[in-house]
């Protein structure tokens, strides 16, 4: 009986500790992810969208949108895929430089990691 009570108390304390630590969700960081999809991002996207996808203004005054927030945040995976593959609105198409698998990995990075969807 003592072991059971200890186990219940231990589980309760663990849950309490996890809830205290969770707080606000931590923002995803490209720099802290050594994976292949972040390598693709750094090689193909960061030059315009910034190292963490925050967007930026280019030297010629062109405003490159944030991949994390703003009006483009509501675009779903299909639209993100099409934007990467086909380009448009100032962006060059990547369908000839990247494989379908690589484009899908970038879609996952933008949709799930950068936007938290």
PDB file of N, CA and C in Angstrom:
ATOM      1  N   UNK A   1       0.809  -1.191   0.000  1.00  0.00           N
ATOM      2  CA  UNK A   1       0.000   0.000   0.000  1.00  0.00           C
ATOM      3  C   UNK A   1       0.859   1.264   0.000  1.00  0.00           C
ATOM      4  N   UNK A   2       1.963   1.248   0.728  1.00  0.00           N
ATOM      5  CA  UNK A   2       2.859   2.395   0.795  1.00  0.00           C
ATOM      6  C   UNK A   2       3.478   2.649  -0.577  1.00  0.00           C
ATOM      7  N   UNK A   3       3.847   1.581  -1.268  1.00  0.00           N
ATOM      8  CA  UNK A   3       4.443   1.719  -2.603  1.00  0.00           C
ATOM      9  C   UNK A   3       3.430   2.328  -3.573  1.00  0.00           C
ATOM     10  N   UNK A   4       2.180   1.906  -3.485  1.00  0.00           N
ATOM     11  CA  UNK A   4       1.127   2.444  -4.343  1.00  0.00           C
ATOM     12  C   UNK A   4       0.945   3.944  -4.100  1.00  0.00           C
ATOM     13  N   UNK A   5       0.897   4.340  -2.829  1.00  0.00           N
ATOM     14  CA  UNK A   5       0.732   5.756  -2.504  1.00  0.00           C
ATOM     15  C   UNK A   5       1.924   6.575  -3.001  1.00  0.00           C
ATOM     16  N   UNK A   6       3.112   6.019  -2.861  1.00  0.00           N
ATOM     17  CA  UNK A   6       4.311   6.702  -3.348  1.00  0.00           C
ATOM     18  C   UNK A   6       4.247   6.870  -4.862  1.00  0.00           C
ATOM     19  N   UNK A   7       3.815   5.841  -5.568  1.00  0.00           N
ATOM     20  CA  UNK A   7       3.724   5.910  -7.030  1.00  0.00           C
ATOM     21  C   UNK A   7       2.714   6.967  -7.462  1.00  0.00           C
ATOM     22  N   UNK A   8       1.569   7.029  -6.783  1.00  0.00           N
ATOM     23  CA  UNK A   8       0.544   8.026  -7.106  1.00  0.00           C
ATOM     24  C   UNK A   8       1.076   9.426  -6.824  1.00  0.00           C
ATOM     25  N   UNK A   9       1.727   9.605  -5.688  1.00  0.00           N
ATOM     26  CA  UNK A   9       2.288  10.904  -5.340  1.00  0.00           C
ATOM     27  C   UNK A   9       3.369  11.308  -6.338  1.00  0.00           C
ATOM     28  N   UNK A  10       4.203  10.375  -6.720  1.00  0.00           N
ATOM     29  CA  UNK A  10       5.258  10.639  -7.692  1.00  0.00           C
ATOM     30  C   UNK A  10       4.670  11.053  -9.039  1.00  0.00           C
ATOM     31  N   UNK A  11       3.641  10.359  -9.489  1.00  0.00           N
ATOM     32  CA  UNK A  11       2.991  10.691 -10.765  1.00  0.00           C
ATOM     33  C   UNK A  11       2.362  12.083 -10.698  1.00  0.00           C
ATOM     34  N   UNK A  12       1.693  12.387  -9.576  1.00  0.00           N
ATOM     35  CA  UNK A  12       1.079  13.702  -9.413  1.00  0.00           C
ATOM     36  C   UNK A  12       2.136  14.800  -9.449  1.00  0.00           C
ATOM     37  N   UNK A  13       3.231  14.612  -8.745  1.00  0.00           N
ATOM     38  CA  UNK A  13       4.311  15.613  -8.726  1.00  0.00           C
ATOM     39  C   UNK A  13       4.927  15.793 -10.106  1.00  0.00           C
ATOM     40  N   UNK A  14       5.080  14.711 -10.829  1.00  0.00           N
ATOM     41  CA  UNK A  14       5.635  14.798 -12.180  1.00  0.00           C
ATOM     42  C   UNK A  14       4.724  15.608 -13.088  1.00  0.00           C
ATOM     43  N   UNK A  15       3.413  15.347 -13.023  1.00  0.00           N
ATOM     44  CA  UNK A  15       2.458  16.108 -13.831  1.00  0.00           C
ATOM     45  C   UNK A  15       2.448  17.580 -13.450  1.00  0.00           C
ATOM     46  N   UNK A  16       2.517  17.850 -12.164  1.00  0.00           N
ATOM     47  CA  UNK A  16       2.542  19.221 -11.694  1.00  0.00           C
ATOM     48  C   UNK A  16       3.796  19.942 -12.196  1.00  0.00           C
ATOM     49  N   UNK A  17       4.917  19.293 -12.134  1.00  0.00           N
ATOM     50  CA  UNK A  17       6.167  19.875 -12.598  1.00  0.00           C
ATOM     51  C   UNK A  17       6.124  20.140 -14.096  1.00  0.00           C
ATOM     52  N   UNK A  18       5.593  19.200 -14.872  1.00  0.00           N
ATOM     53  CA  UNK A  18       5.496  19.389 -16.319  1.00  0.00           C
ATOM     54  C   UNK A  18       4.579  20.555 -16.655  1.00  0.00           C
ATOM     55  N   UNK A  19       3.476  20.708 -15.947  1.00  0.00           N
ATOM     56  CA  UNK A  19       2.551  21.798 -16.242  1.00  0.00           C
ATOM     57  C   UNK A  19       3.173  23.146 -15.893  1.00  0.00           C
ATOM     58  N   UNK A  20       3.994  23.194 -14.876  1.00  0.00           N
ATOM     59  CA  UNK A  20       4.660  24.443 -14.510  1.00  0.00           C
ATOM     60  C   UNK A  20       5.719  24.823 -15.529  1.00  0.00           C
ATOM     61  N   UNK A  21       6.378  23.834 -16.092  1.00  0.00           N
ATOM     62  CA  UNK A  21       7.438  24.104 -17.045  1.00  0.00           C
ATOM     63  C   UNK A  21       6.904  24.439 -18.425  1.00  0.00           C
ATOM     64  N   UNK A  22       5.711  23.957 -18.770  1.00  0.00           N
ATOM     65  CA  UNK A  22       5.227  24.125 -20.128  1.00  0.00           C
ATOM     66  C   UNK A  22       4.988  25.587 -20.470  1.00  0.00           C
ATOM     67  N   UNK A  23       4.268  26.342 -19.639  1.00  0.00           N
ATOM     68  CA  UNK A  23       4.033  27.760 -19.887  1.00  0.00           C
ATOM     69  C   UNK A  23       3.677  28.030 -21.329  1.00  0.00           C
ATOM     70  N   UNK A  24       4.257  29.081 -21.892  1.00  0.00           N
ATOM     71  CA  UNK A  24       4.052  29.400 -23.299  1.00  0.00           C
ATOM     72  C   UNK A  24       4.891  28.453 -24.145  1.00  0.00           C
ATOM     73  N   UNK A  25       4.345  28.028 -25.280  1.00  0.00           N
ATOM     74  CA  UNK A  25       5.118  27.120 -26.123  1.00  0.00           C
ATOM     75  C   UNK A  25       6.382  27.794 -26.627  1.00  0.00           C
ATOM     76  N   UNK A  26       7.429  27.017 -26.701  1.00  0.00           N
ATOM     77  CA  UNK A  26       8.682  27.551 -27.199  1.00  0.00           C
ATOM     78  C   UNK A  26       8.606  27.682 -28.706  1.00  0.00           C
ATOM     79  N   UNK A  27       9.142  28.763 -29.210  1.00  0.00           N
ATOM     80  CA  UNK A  27       9.155  28.982 -30.653  1.00  0.00           C
ATOM     81  C   UNK A  27      10.172  28.037 -31.295  1.00  0.00           C
ATOM     82  N   UNK A  28       9.791  27.491 -32.422  1.00  0.00           N
ATOM     83  CA  UNK A  28      10.678  26.612 -33.172  1.00  0.00           C
ATOM     84  C   UNK A  28      11.839  27.432 -33.719  1.00  0.00           C
ATOM     85  N   UNK A  29      13.028  26.865 -33.698  1.00  0.00           N
ATOM     86  CA  UNK A  29      14.215  27.542 -34.203  1.00  0.00           C
ATOM     87  C   UNK A  29      14.882  26.699 -35.286  1.00  0.00           C
ATOM     88  N   UNK A  30      15.016  27.280 -36.469  1.00  0.00           N
ATOM     89  CA  UNK A  30      15.711  26.614 -37.567  1.00  0.00           C
ATOM     90  C   UNK A  30      17.157  26.339 -37.161  1.00  0.00           C
ATOM     91  N   UNK A  31      17.771  27.300 -36.501  1.00  0.00           N
ATOM     92  CA  UNK A  31      19.178  27.176 -36.116  1.00  0.00           C
ATOM     93  C   UNK A  31      19.422  26.003 -35.176  1.00  0.00           C
ATOM     94  N   UNK A  32      18.417  25.635 -34.383  1.00  0.00           N
ATOM     95  CA  UNK A  32      18.587  24.548 -33.419  1.00  0.00           C
ATOM     96  C   UNK A  32      18.175  23.184 -33.952  1.00  0.00           C
ATOM     97  N   UNK A  33      17.773  23.115 -35.213  1.00  0.00           N
ATOM     98  CA  UNK A  33      17.337  21.851 -35.814  1.00  0.00           C
ATOM     99  C   UNK A  33      18.360  21.426 -36.857  1.00  0.00           C
ATOM    100  N   UNK A  34      19.092  20.343 -36.607  1.00  0.00           N
ATOM    101  CA  UNK A  34      20.134  19.916 -37.549  1.00  0.00           C
ATOM    102  C   UNK A  34      19.609  19.053 -38.702  1.00  0.00           C
ATOM    103  N   UNK A  35      18.308  18.912 -38.839  1.00  0.00           N
ATOM    104  CA  UNK A  35      17.721  18.005 -39.816  1.00  0.00           C
ATOM    105  C   UNK A  35      17.883  18.440 -41.261  1.00  0.00           C
ATOM    106  N   UNK A  36      17.528  17.521 -42.140  1.00  0.00           N
ATOM    107  CA  UNK A  36      17.650  17.742 -43.582  1.00  0.00           C
ATOM    108  C   UNK A  36      16.735  18.868 -44.063  1.00  0.00           C
ATOM    109  N   UNK A  37      15.514  18.912 -43.540  1.00  0.00           N
ATOM    110  CA  UNK A  37      14.583  19.941 -44.014  1.00  0.00           C
ATOM    111  C   UNK A  37      15.077  21.340 -43.665  1.00  0.00           C
ATOM    112  N   UNK A  38      15.745  21.497 -42.534  1.00  0.00           N
ATOM    113  CA  UNK A  38      16.280  22.818 -42.200  1.00  0.00           C
ATOM    114  C   UNK A  38      17.491  23.152 -43.057  1.00  0.00           C
ATOM    115  N   UNK A  39      18.239  22.134 -43.465  1.00  0.00           N
ATOM    116  CA  UNK A  39      19.337  22.360 -44.406  1.00  0.00           C
ATOM    117  C   UNK A  39      18.774  22.849 -45.737  1.00  0.00           C
ATOM    118  N   UNK A  40      17.690  22.212 -46.182  1.00  0.00           N
ATOM    119  CA  UNK A  40      17.015  22.669 -47.410  1.00  0.00           C
ATOM    120  C   UNK A  40      16.554  24.120 -47.263  1.00  0.00           C
ATOM    121  N   UNK A  41      15.979  24.429 -46.118  1.00  0.00           N
ATOM    122  CA  UNK A  41      15.511  25.790 -45.873  1.00  0.00           C
ATOM    123  C   UNK A  41      16.673  26.772 -45.949  1.00  0.00           C
ATOM    124  N   UNK A  42      17.746  26.476 -45.257  1.00  0.00           N
ATOM    125  CA  UNK A  42      18.893  27.391 -45.245  1.00  0.00           C
ATOM    126  C   UNK A  42      19.444  27.606 -46.647  1.00  0.00           C
ATOM    127  N   UNK A  43      19.486  26.529 -47.450  1.00  0.00           N
ATOM    128  CA  UNK A  43      20.068  26.610 -48.793  1.00  0.00           C
ATOM    129  C   UNK A  43      19.157  27.304 -49.798  1.00  0.00           C
ATOM    130  N   UNK A  44      17.849  27.210 -49.621  1.00  0.00           N
ATOM    131  CA  UNK A  44      16.935  27.679 -50.656  1.00  0.00           C
ATOM    132  C   UNK A  44      16.011  28.819 -50.248  1.00  0.00           C
ATOM    133  N   UNK A  45      15.755  28.980 -48.975  1.00  0.00           N
ATOM    134  CA  UNK A  45      14.712  29.921 -48.533  1.00  0.00           C
ATOM    135  C   UNK A  45      15.231  31.071 -47.676  1.00  0.00           C
ATOM    136  N   UNK A  46      16.228  30.787 -46.854  1.00  0.00           N
ATOM    137  CA  UNK A  46      16.683  31.765 -45.859  1.00  0.00           C
ATOM    138  C   UNK A  46      17.213  33.046 -46.485  1.00  0.00           C
ATOM    139  N   UNK A  47      17.753  32.960 -47.685  1.00  0.00           N
ATOM    140  CA  UNK A  47      18.313  34.149 -48.323  1.00  0.00           C
ATOM    141  C   UNK A  47      17.263  35.247 -48.480  1.00  0.00           C
ATOM    142  N   UNK A  48      16.028  34.857 -48.711  1.00  0.00           N
ATOM    143  CA  UNK A  48      14.950  35.839 -48.848  1.00  0.00           C
ATOM    144  C   UNK A  48      14.081  35.936 -47.592  1.00  0.00           C
ATOM    145  N   UNK A  49      13.692  34.793 -47.023  1.00  0.00           N
ATOM    146  CA  UNK A  49      12.755  34.783 -45.898  1.00  0.00           C
ATOM    147  C   UNK A  49      13.425  34.967 -44.544  1.00  0.00           C
ATOM    148  N   UNK A  50      14.754  35.032 -44.521  1.00  0.00           N
ATOM    149  CA  UNK A  50      15.475  35.219 -43.272  1.00  0.00           C
ATOM    150  C   UNK A  50      15.839  33.901 -42.628  1.00  0.00           C
ATOM    151  N   UNK A  51      16.821  33.900 -41.735  1.00  0.00           N
ATOM    152  CA  UNK A  51      17.322  32.661 -41.150  1.00  0.00           C
ATOM    153  C   UNK A  51      16.304  31.890 -40.323  1.00  0.00           C
ATOM    154  N   UNK A  52      15.287  32.576 -39.799  1.00  0.00           N
ATOM    155  CA  UNK A  52      14.259  31.917 -38.989  1.00  0.00           C
ATOM    156  C   UNK A  52      12.860  32.054 -39.589  1.00  0.00           C
ATOM    157  N   UNK A  53      12.782  32.465 -40.857  1.00  0.00           N
ATOM    158  CA  UNK A  53      11.493  32.573 -41.528  1.00  0.00           C
ATOM    159  C   UNK A  53      10.677  33.786 -41.121  1.00  0.00           C
ATOM    160  N   UNK A  54      11.334  34.777 -40.544  1.00  0.00           N
ATOM    161  CA  UNK A  54      10.628  35.955 -40.042  1.00  0.00           C
ATOM    162  C   UNK A  54      10.331  36.984 -41.133  1.00  0.00           C
ATOM    163  N   UNK A  55      10.833  36.758 -42.344  1.00  0.00           N
ATOM    164  CA  UNK A  55      10.641  37.711 -43.428  1.00  0.00           C
ATOM    165  C   UNK A  55      11.655  38.837 -43.326  1.00  0.00           C
ATOM    166  N   UNK A  56      11.722  39.651 -44.376  1.00  0.00           N
ATOM    167  CA  UNK A  56      12.655  40.767 -44.361  1.00  0.00           C
ATOM    168  C   UNK A  56      12.414  41.671 -45.559  1.00  0.00           C
ATOM    169  N   UNK A  57      13.075  42.784 -45.564  1.00  0.00           N
ATOM    170  CA  UNK A  57      13.027  43.694 -46.696  1.00  0.00           C
ATOM    171  C   UNK A  57      14.360  43.598 -47.419  1.00  0.00           C
ATOM    172  N   UNK A  58      14.294  43.316 -48.716  1.00  0.00           N
ATOM    173  CA  UNK A  58      15.516  43.192 -49.515  1.00  0.00           C
ATOM    174  C   UNK A  58      16.096  44.565 -49.823  1.00  0.00           C
ATOM    175  N   UNK A  59      17.330  44.579 -50.298  1.00  0.00           N
ATOM    176  CA  UNK A  59      18.028  45.836 -50.572  1.00  0.00           C
ATOM    177  C   UNK A  59      17.309  46.713 -51.594  1.00  0.00           C
ATOM    178  N   UNK A  60      16.498  46.105 -52.476  1.00  0.00           N
ATOM    179  CA  UNK A  60      15.760  46.882 -53.475  1.00  0.00           C
ATOM    180  C   UNK A  60      14.393  47.346 -52.977  1.00  0.00           C
ATOM    181  N   UNK A  61      14.081  47.096 -51.703  1.00  0.00           N
ATOM    182  CA  UNK A  61      12.825  47.525 -51.120  1.00  0.00           C
ATOM    183  C   UNK A  61      11.716  46.481 -51.154  1.00  0.00           C
ATOM    184  N   UNK A  62      11.974  45.337 -51.794  1.00  0.00           N
ATOM    185  CA  UNK A  62      10.988  44.264 -51.850  1.00  0.00           C
ATOM    186  C   UNK A  62      10.781  43.686 -50.459  1.00  0.00           C
ATOM    187  N   UNK A  63       9.526  43.576 -50.039  1.00  0.00           N
ATOM    188  CA  UNK A  63       9.205  43.006 -48.737  1.00  0.00           C
ATOM    189  C   UNK A  63       8.890  41.529 -48.920  1.00  0.00           C
ATOM    190  N   UNK A  64       9.705  40.688 -48.311  1.00  0.00           N
ATOM    191  CA  UNK A  64       9.499  39.237 -48.355  1.00  0.00           C
ATOM    192  C   UNK A  64       8.718  38.864 -47.103  1.00  0.00           C
ATOM    193  N   UNK A  65       7.578  38.173 -47.271  1.00  0.00           N
ATOM    194  CA  UNK A  65       6.711  37.907 -46.111  1.00  0.00           C
ATOM    195  C   UNK A  65       7.309  36.924 -45.109  1.00  0.00           C
ATOM    196  N   UNK A  66       6.860  37.078 -43.893  1.00  0.00           N
ATOM    197  CA  UNK A  66       7.191  36.128 -42.832  1.00  0.00           C
ATOM    198  C   UNK A  66       6.520  34.799 -43.134  1.00  0.00           C
ATOM    199  N   UNK A  67       7.212  33.710 -42.876  1.00  0.00           N
ATOM    200  CA  UNK A  67       6.634  32.376 -43.008  1.00  0.00           C
ATOM    201  C   UNK A  67       5.999  31.940 -41.693  1.00  0.00           C
ATOM    202  N   UNK A  68       6.141  32.740 -40.661  1.00  0.00           N
ATOM    203  CA  UNK A  68       5.647  32.412 -39.328  1.00  0.00           C
ATOM    204  C   UNK A  68       4.284  33.039 -39.016  1.00  0.00           C
ATOM    205  N   UNK A  69       4.034  34.234 -39.484  1.00  0.00           N
ATOM    206  CA  UNK A  69       2.822  34.947 -39.095  1.00  0.00           C
ATOM    207  C   UNK A  69       2.414  35.920 -40.179  1.00  0.00           C
ATOM    208  N   UNK A  70       1.272  36.550 -39.970  1.00  0.00           N
ATOM    209  CA  UNK A  70       0.784  37.540 -40.915  1.00  0.00           C
ATOM    210  C   UNK A  70      -0.251  36.967 -41.860  1.00  0.00           C
ATOM    211  N   UNK A  71      -0.514  37.685 -42.919  1.00  0.00           N
ATOM    212  CA  UNK A  71      -1.579  37.308 -43.840  1.00  0.00           C
ATOM    213  C   UNK A  71      -1.345  35.971 -44.519  1.00  0.00           C
ATOM    214  N   UNK A  72      -0.111  35.523 -44.655  1.00  0.00           N
ATOM    215  CA  UNK A  72       0.172  34.258 -45.320  1.00  0.00           C
ATOM    216  C   UNK A  72       0.063  33.067 -44.377  1.00  0.00           C
ATOM    217  N   UNK A  73      -0.102  33.299 -43.086  1.00  0.00           N
ATOM    218  CA  UNK A  73      -0.141  32.217 -42.104  1.00  0.00           C
ATOM    219  C   UNK A  73      -1.317  31.271 -42.304  1.00  0.00           C
ATOM    220  N   UNK A  74      -2.410  31.745 -42.880  1.00  0.00           N
ATOM    221  CA  UNK A  74      -3.605  30.915 -43.026  1.00  0.00           C
ATOM    222  C   UNK A  74      -3.543  29.954 -44.208  1.00  0.00           C
ATOM    223  N   UNK A  75      -2.544  30.068 -45.048  1.00  0.00           N
ATOM    224  CA  UNK A  75      -2.464  29.214 -46.236  1.00  0.00           C
ATOM    225  C   UNK A  75      -2.153  27.783 -45.807  1.00  0.00           C
ATOM    226  N   UNK A  76      -2.905  26.822 -46.373  1.00  0.00           N
ATOM    227  CA  UNK A  76      -2.740  25.413 -46.032  1.00  0.00           C
ATOM    228  C   UNK A  76      -1.598  24.748 -46.772  1.00  0.00           C
ATOM    229  N   UNK A  77      -1.412  23.473 -46.514  1.00  0.00           N
ATOM    230  CA  UNK A  77      -0.290  22.722 -47.068  1.00  0.00           C
ATOM    231  C   UNK A  77      -0.278  22.679 -48.591  1.00  0.00           C
ATOM    232  N   UNK A  78      -1.441  22.520 -49.215  1.00  0.00           N
ATOM    233  CA  UNK A  78      -1.504  22.463 -50.683  1.00  0.00           C
ATOM    234  C   UNK A  78      -1.046  23.785 -51.278  1.00  0.00           C
ATOM    235  N   UNK A  79      -1.514  24.887 -50.714  1.00  0.00           N
ATOM    236  CA  UNK A  79      -1.118  26.196 -51.219  1.00  0.00           C
ATOM    237  C   UNK A  79       0.368  26.477 -50.983  1.00  0.00           C
ATOM    238  N   UNK A  80       0.890  26.029 -49.842  1.00  0.00           N
ATOM    239  CA  UNK A  80       2.317  26.199 -49.564  1.00  0.00           C
ATOM    240  C   UNK A  80       3.124  25.393 -50.572  1.00  0.00           C
ATOM    241  N   UNK A  81       2.707  24.154 -50.834  1.00  0.00           N
ATOM    242  CA  UNK A  81       3.391  23.313 -51.820  1.00  0.00           C
ATOM    243  C   UNK A  81       3.403  24.008 -53.176  1.00  0.00           C
ATOM    244  N   UNK A  82       2.239  24.488 -53.615  1.00  0.00           N
ATOM    245  CA  UNK A  82       2.147  25.140 -54.921  1.00  0.00           C
ATOM    246  C   UNK A  82       3.004  26.394 -54.990  1.00  0.00           C
ATOM    247  N   UNK A  83       3.053  27.152 -53.906  1.00  0.00           N
ATOM    248  CA  UNK A  83       3.869  28.367 -53.889  1.00  0.00           C
ATOM    249  C   UNK A  83       5.350  28.023 -54.044  1.00  0.00           C
ATOM    250  N   UNK A  84       5.804  26.996 -53.337  1.00  0.00           N
ATOM    251  CA  UNK A  84       7.207  26.597 -53.445  1.00  0.00           C
ATOM    252  C   UNK A  84       7.500  26.051 -54.843  1.00  0.00           C
ATOM    253  N   UNK A  85       6.655  25.164 -55.327  1.00  0.00           N
ATOM    254  CA  UNK A  85       6.886  24.512 -56.619  1.00  0.00           C
ATOM    255  C   UNK A  85       6.747  25.481 -57.787  1.00  0.00           C
ATOM    256  N   UNK A  86       5.678  26.265 -57.805  1.00  0.00           N
ATOM    257  CA  UNK A  86       5.355  27.112 -58.950  1.00  0.00           C
ATOM    258  C   UNK A  86       5.852  28.548 -58.822  1.00  0.00           C
ATOM    259  N   UNK A  87       6.135  28.982 -57.592  1.00  0.00           N
ATOM    260  CA  UNK A  87       6.547  30.360 -57.384  1.00  0.00           C
ATOM    261  C   UNK A  87       5.373  31.308 -57.558  1.00  0.00           C
ATOM    262  N   UNK A  88       5.678  32.545 -57.861  1.00  0.00           N
ATOM    263  CA  UNK A  88       4.645  33.550 -58.078  1.00  0.00           C
ATOM    264  C   UNK A  88       4.673  34.626 -57.018  1.00  0.00           C
ATOM    265  N   UNK A  89       4.107  35.772 -57.349  1.00  0.00           N
ATOM    266  CA  UNK A  89       4.078  36.909 -56.445  1.00  0.00           C
ATOM    267  C   UNK A  89       5.490  37.312 -56.009  1.00  0.00           C
ATOM    268  N   UNK A  90       6.395  37.271 -56.971  1.00  0.00           N
ATOM    269  CA  UNK A  90       7.784  37.659 -56.709  1.00  0.00           C
ATOM    270  C   UNK A  90       8.717  36.516 -56.360  1.00  0.00           C
ATOM    271  N   UNK A  91       8.174  35.353 -56.077  1.00  0.00           N
ATOM    272  CA  UNK A  91       9.003  34.198 -55.703  1.00  0.00           C
ATOM    273  C   UNK A  91       9.286  33.331 -56.925  1.00  0.00           C
ATOM    274  N   UNK A  92      10.512  32.869 -57.039  1.00  0.00           N
ATOM    275  CA  UNK A  92      10.890  31.971 -58.131  1.00  0.00           C
ATOM    276  C   UNK A  92      10.383  30.563 -57.867  1.00  0.00           C
ATOM    277  N   UNK A  93      10.074  29.791 -58.919  1.00  0.00           N
ATOM    278  CA  UNK A  93       9.639  28.401 -58.719  1.00  0.00           C
ATOM    279  C   UNK A  93      10.829  27.499 -58.388  1.00  0.00           C
ATOM    280  N   UNK A  94      10.568  26.499 -57.567  1.00  0.00           N
ATOM    281  CA  UNK A  94      11.625  25.569 -57.172  1.00  0.00           C
ATOM    282  C   UNK A  94      11.386  24.151 -57.687  1.00  0.00           C
ATOM    283  N   UNK A  95      10.387  23.941 -58.549  1.00  0.00           N
ATOM    284  CA  UNK A  95      10.062  22.586 -59.001  1.00  0.00           C
ATOM    285  C   UNK A  95      11.167  21.956 -59.837  1.00  0.00           C
ATOM    286  N   UNK A  96      12.047  22.746 -60.403  1.00  0.00           N
ATOM    287  CA  UNK A  96      13.159  22.180 -61.179  1.00  0.00           C
ATOM    288  C   UNK A  96      14.427  21.998 -60.347  1.00  0.00           C
ATOM    289  N   UNK A  97      14.508  22.685 -59.211  1.00  0.00           N
ATOM    290  CA  UNK A  97      15.683  22.568 -58.341  1.00  0.00           C
ATOM    291  C   UNK A  97      15.507  21.533 -57.239  1.00  0.00           C
ATOM    292  N   UNK A  98      14.271  21.343 -56.801  1.00  0.00           N
ATOM    293  CA  UNK A  98      14.000  20.454 -55.670  1.00  0.00           C
ATOM    294  C   UNK A  98      13.108  19.297 -56.108  1.00  0.00           C
ATOM    295  N   UNK A  99      13.317  18.145 -55.495  1.00  0.00           N
ATOM    296  CA  UNK A  99      12.452  16.993 -55.763  1.00  0.00           C
ATOM    297  C   UNK A  99      11.109  17.196 -55.067  1.00  0.00           C
ATOM    298  N   UNK A 100      10.138  16.378 -55.440  1.00  0.00           N
ATOM    299  CA  UNK A 100       8.832  16.416 -54.778  1.00  0.00           C
ATOM    300  C   UNK A 100       8.995  16.177 -53.284  1.00  0.00           C
ATOM    301  N   UNK A 101       9.837  15.221 -52.922  1.00  0.00           N
ATOM    302  CA  UNK A 101      10.082  14.912 -51.505  1.00  0.00           C
ATOM    303  C   UNK A 101      10.669  16.111 -50.771  1.00  0.00           C
ATOM    304  N   UNK A 102      11.604  16.808 -51.392  1.00  0.00           N
ATOM    305  CA  UNK A 102      12.219  17.972 -50.756  1.00  0.00           C
ATOM    306  C   UNK A 102      11.207  19.112 -50.584  1.00  0.00           C
ATOM    307  N   UNK A 103      10.366  19.312 -51.587  1.00  0.00           N
ATOM    308  CA  UNK A 103       9.334  20.346 -51.467  1.00  0.00           C
ATOM    309  C   UNK A 103       8.379  19.992 -50.331  1.00  0.00           C
ATOM    310  N   UNK A 104       8.009  18.720 -50.237  1.00  0.00           N
ATOM    311  CA  UNK A 104       7.107  18.292 -49.154  1.00  0.00           C
ATOM    312  C   UNK A 104       7.754  18.489 -47.774  1.00  0.00           C
ATOM    313  N   UNK A 105       9.048  18.292 -47.685  1.00  0.00           N
ATOM    314  CA  UNK A 105       9.723  18.534 -46.411  1.00  0.00           C
ATOM    315  C   UNK A 105       9.706  20.017 -46.055  1.00  0.00           C
ATOM    316  N   UNK A 106       9.867  20.875 -47.054  1.00  0.00           N
ATOM    317  CA  UNK A 106       9.783  22.313 -46.791  1.00  0.00           C
ATOM    318  C   UNK A 106       8.366  22.716 -46.405  1.00  0.00           C
ATOM    319  N   UNK A 107       7.363  22.089 -47.027  1.00  0.00           N
ATOM    320  CA  UNK A 107       5.972  22.353 -46.650  1.00  0.00           C
ATOM    321  C   UNK A 107       5.765  21.995 -45.186  1.00  0.00           C
ATOM    322  N   UNK A 108       6.269  20.841 -44.776  1.00  0.00           N
ATOM    323  CA  UNK A 108       6.151  20.421 -43.372  1.00  0.00           C
ATOM    324  C   UNK A 108       6.850  21.404 -42.449  1.00  0.00           C
ATOM    325  N   UNK A 109       8.028  21.846 -42.841  1.00  0.00           N
ATOM    326  CA  UNK A 109       8.771  22.804 -42.027  1.00  0.00           C
ATOM    327  C   UNK A 109       7.974  24.096 -41.845  1.00  0.00           C
ATOM    328  N   UNK A 110       7.438  24.619 -42.944  1.00  0.00           N
ATOM    329  CA  UNK A 110       6.687  25.875 -42.861  1.00  0.00           C
ATOM    330  C   UNK A 110       5.393  25.684 -42.083  1.00  0.00           C
ATOM    331  N   UNK A 111       4.618  24.674 -42.472  1.00  0.00           N
ATOM    332  CA  UNK A 111       3.284  24.507 -41.892  1.00  0.00           C
ATOM    333  C   UNK A 111       3.332  24.066 -40.432  1.00  0.00           C
ATOM    334  N   UNK A 112       4.119  23.048 -40.148  1.00  0.00           N
ATOM    335  CA  UNK A 112       4.125  22.484 -38.791  1.00  0.00           C
ATOM    336  C   UNK A 112       5.104  23.201 -37.856  1.00  0.00           C
ATOM    337  N   UNK A 113       6.322  23.393 -38.318  1.00  0.00           N
ATOM    338  CA  UNK A 113       7.358  23.898 -37.417  1.00  0.00           C
ATOM    339  C   UNK A 113       7.330  25.422 -37.276  1.00  0.00           C
ATOM    340  N   UNK A 114       7.412  26.126 -38.395  1.00  0.00           N
ATOM    341  CA  UNK A 114       7.459  27.584 -38.308  1.00  0.00           C
ATOM    342  C   UNK A 114       6.128  28.181 -37.875  1.00  0.00           C
ATOM    343  N   UNK A 115       5.019  27.584 -38.331  1.00  0.00           N
ATOM    344  CA  UNK A 115       3.706  28.140 -38.013  1.00  0.00           C
ATOM    345  C   UNK A 115       3.027  27.430 -36.844  1.00  0.00           C
ATOM    346  N   UNK A 116       3.534  26.267 -36.469  1.00  0.00           N
ATOM    347  CA  UNK A 116       2.956  25.550 -35.339  1.00  0.00           C
ATOM    348  C   UNK A 116       1.584  24.968 -35.598  1.00  0.00           C
ATOM    349  N   UNK A 117       1.300  24.599 -36.844  1.00  0.00           N
ATOM    350  CA  UNK A 117       0.006  23.996 -37.181  1.00  0.00           C
ATOM    351  C   UNK A 117       0.044  22.488 -37.090  1.00  0.00           C
TER     352      UNK A 117
END
